[in-house]
Structures are given as structure tokens and as C-alpha cells.
Amino acid sequence: MILSESIEDYLKAIYALQREAGKVLTTQLAERLEVKPASLTGYGTIC
């Protein structure tokens, strides 16, 4: 499976936040990726 660059960034951000805080909040993830939280809605369907 080949991942797009944006999906790869999304997964890396989740991994980093989970290692730092033990959990990942949508607001933190959106801030890390420099997007609005609503922009993350579609990403959940790729995992």
C-alpha cells in the first residue's frame, strides 16, 4: 500500500503525539498539522 504524503504526515503526527502525551486529541493533531480540526474528519477512514 502506497500512502500519500499527507496521510504519512498524519500518521507520523499521531505517533509523535501519542509518544509525547500518551493520547492524541483532535485539537492537538490539527495544531500539529496546521489544519482546522474539521479537516481531520476524512482521515479516520483510511486507518
C-alpha atoms as a PDB file:
ATOM      1  CA  MET A   1       0.000   0.000   0.000  1.00  0.00           C
ATOM      2  CA  ILE A   2       1.404   3.370  -1.012  1.00  0.00           C
ATOM      3  CA  LEU A   3       0.466   6.301   1.207  1.00  0.00           C
ATOM      4  CA  SER A   4       0.177   9.884   0.082  1.00  0.00           C
ATOM      5  CA  GLU A   5       2.472  12.423   1.697  1.00  0.00           C
ATOM      6  CA  SER A   6      -0.425  13.976   3.641  1.00  0.00           C
ATOM      7  CA  ILE A   7      -1.523  10.604   5.051  1.00  0.00           C
ATOM      8  CA  GLU A   8       2.070   9.845   6.001  1.00  0.00           C
ATOM      9  CA  ASP A   9       2.303  13.209   7.811  1.00  0.00           C
ATOM     10  CA  TYR A  10      -0.993  12.461   9.575  1.00  0.00           C
ATOM     11  CA  LEU A  11       0.228   9.083  10.825  1.00  0.00           C
ATOM     12  CA  LYS A  12       3.607  10.464  11.909  1.00  0.00           C
ATOM     13  CA  ALA A  13       1.888  13.239  13.867  1.00  0.00           C
ATOM     14  CA  ILE A  14      -0.389  10.736  15.624  1.00  0.00           C
ATOM     15  CA  TYR A  15       2.616   8.599  16.523  1.00  0.00           C
ATOM     16  CA  ALA A  16       4.597  11.559  17.866  1.00  0.00           C
ATOM     17  CA  LEU A  17       1.701  12.946  19.915  1.00  0.00           C
ATOM     18  CA  GLN A  18       0.928   9.524  21.375  1.00  0.00           C
ATOM     19  CA  ARG A  19       4.557   9.072  22.429  1.00  0.00           C
ATOM     20  CA  GLU A  20       4.657  12.568  23.971  1.00  0.00           C
ATOM     21  CA  ALA A  21       1.327  12.585  25.796  1.00  0.00           C
ATOM     22  CA  GLY A  22       0.028   9.015  25.790  1.00  0.00           C
ATOM     23  CA  LYS A  23      -3.097  10.073  23.954  1.00  0.00           C
ATOM     24  CA  VAL A  24      -3.982  12.094  20.895  1.00  0.00           C
ATOM     25  CA  LEU A  25      -6.616  14.805  20.904  1.00  0.00           C
ATOM     26  CA  THR A  26      -8.070  16.046  17.642  1.00  0.00           C
ATOM     27  CA  THR A  27      -7.243  19.617  18.577  1.00  0.00           C
ATOM     28  CA  GLN A  28      -3.579  18.734  19.202  1.00  0.00           C
ATOM     29  CA  LEU A  29      -3.360  16.799  15.959  1.00  0.00           C
ATOM     30  CA  ALA A  30      -4.904  19.658  13.980  1.00  0.00           C
ATOM     31  CA  GLU A  31      -2.500  22.121  15.574  1.00  0.00           C
ATOM     32  CA  ARG A  32       0.497  19.894  14.776  1.00  0.00           C
ATOM     33  CA  LEU A  33      -0.614  19.557  11.142  1.00  0.00           C
ATOM     34  CA  GLU A  34      -1.583  23.236  10.909  1.00  0.00           C
ATOM     35  CA  VAL A  35      -5.157  22.493   9.817  1.00  0.00           C
ATOM     36  CA  LYS A  36      -8.600  23.032  11.309  1.00  0.00           C
ATOM     37  CA  PRO A  37      -9.943  20.113  13.413  1.00  0.00           C
ATOM     38  CA  ALA A  38     -12.808  19.594  10.941  1.00  0.00           C
ATOM     39  CA  SER A  39     -10.232  18.890   8.240  1.00  0.00           C
ATOM     40  CA  LEU A  40      -9.249  15.671  10.040  1.00  0.00           C
ATOM     41  CA  THR A  41     -12.676  14.053   9.704  1.00  0.00           C
ATOM     42  CA  GLY A  42     -11.913  12.209   6.451  1.00  0.00           C
ATOM     43  CA  TYR A  43      -8.579  10.867   7.643  1.00  0.00           C
ATOM     44  CA  GLY A  44     -10.187   8.447  10.073  1.00  0.00           C
ATOM     45  CA  THR A  45     -11.499   6.329   7.229  1.00  0.00           C
ATOM     46  CA  ILE A  46      -8.018   5.435   5.941  1.00  0.00           C
ATOM     47  CA  CYS A  47      -6.885   3.540   9.039  1.00  0.00           C
END
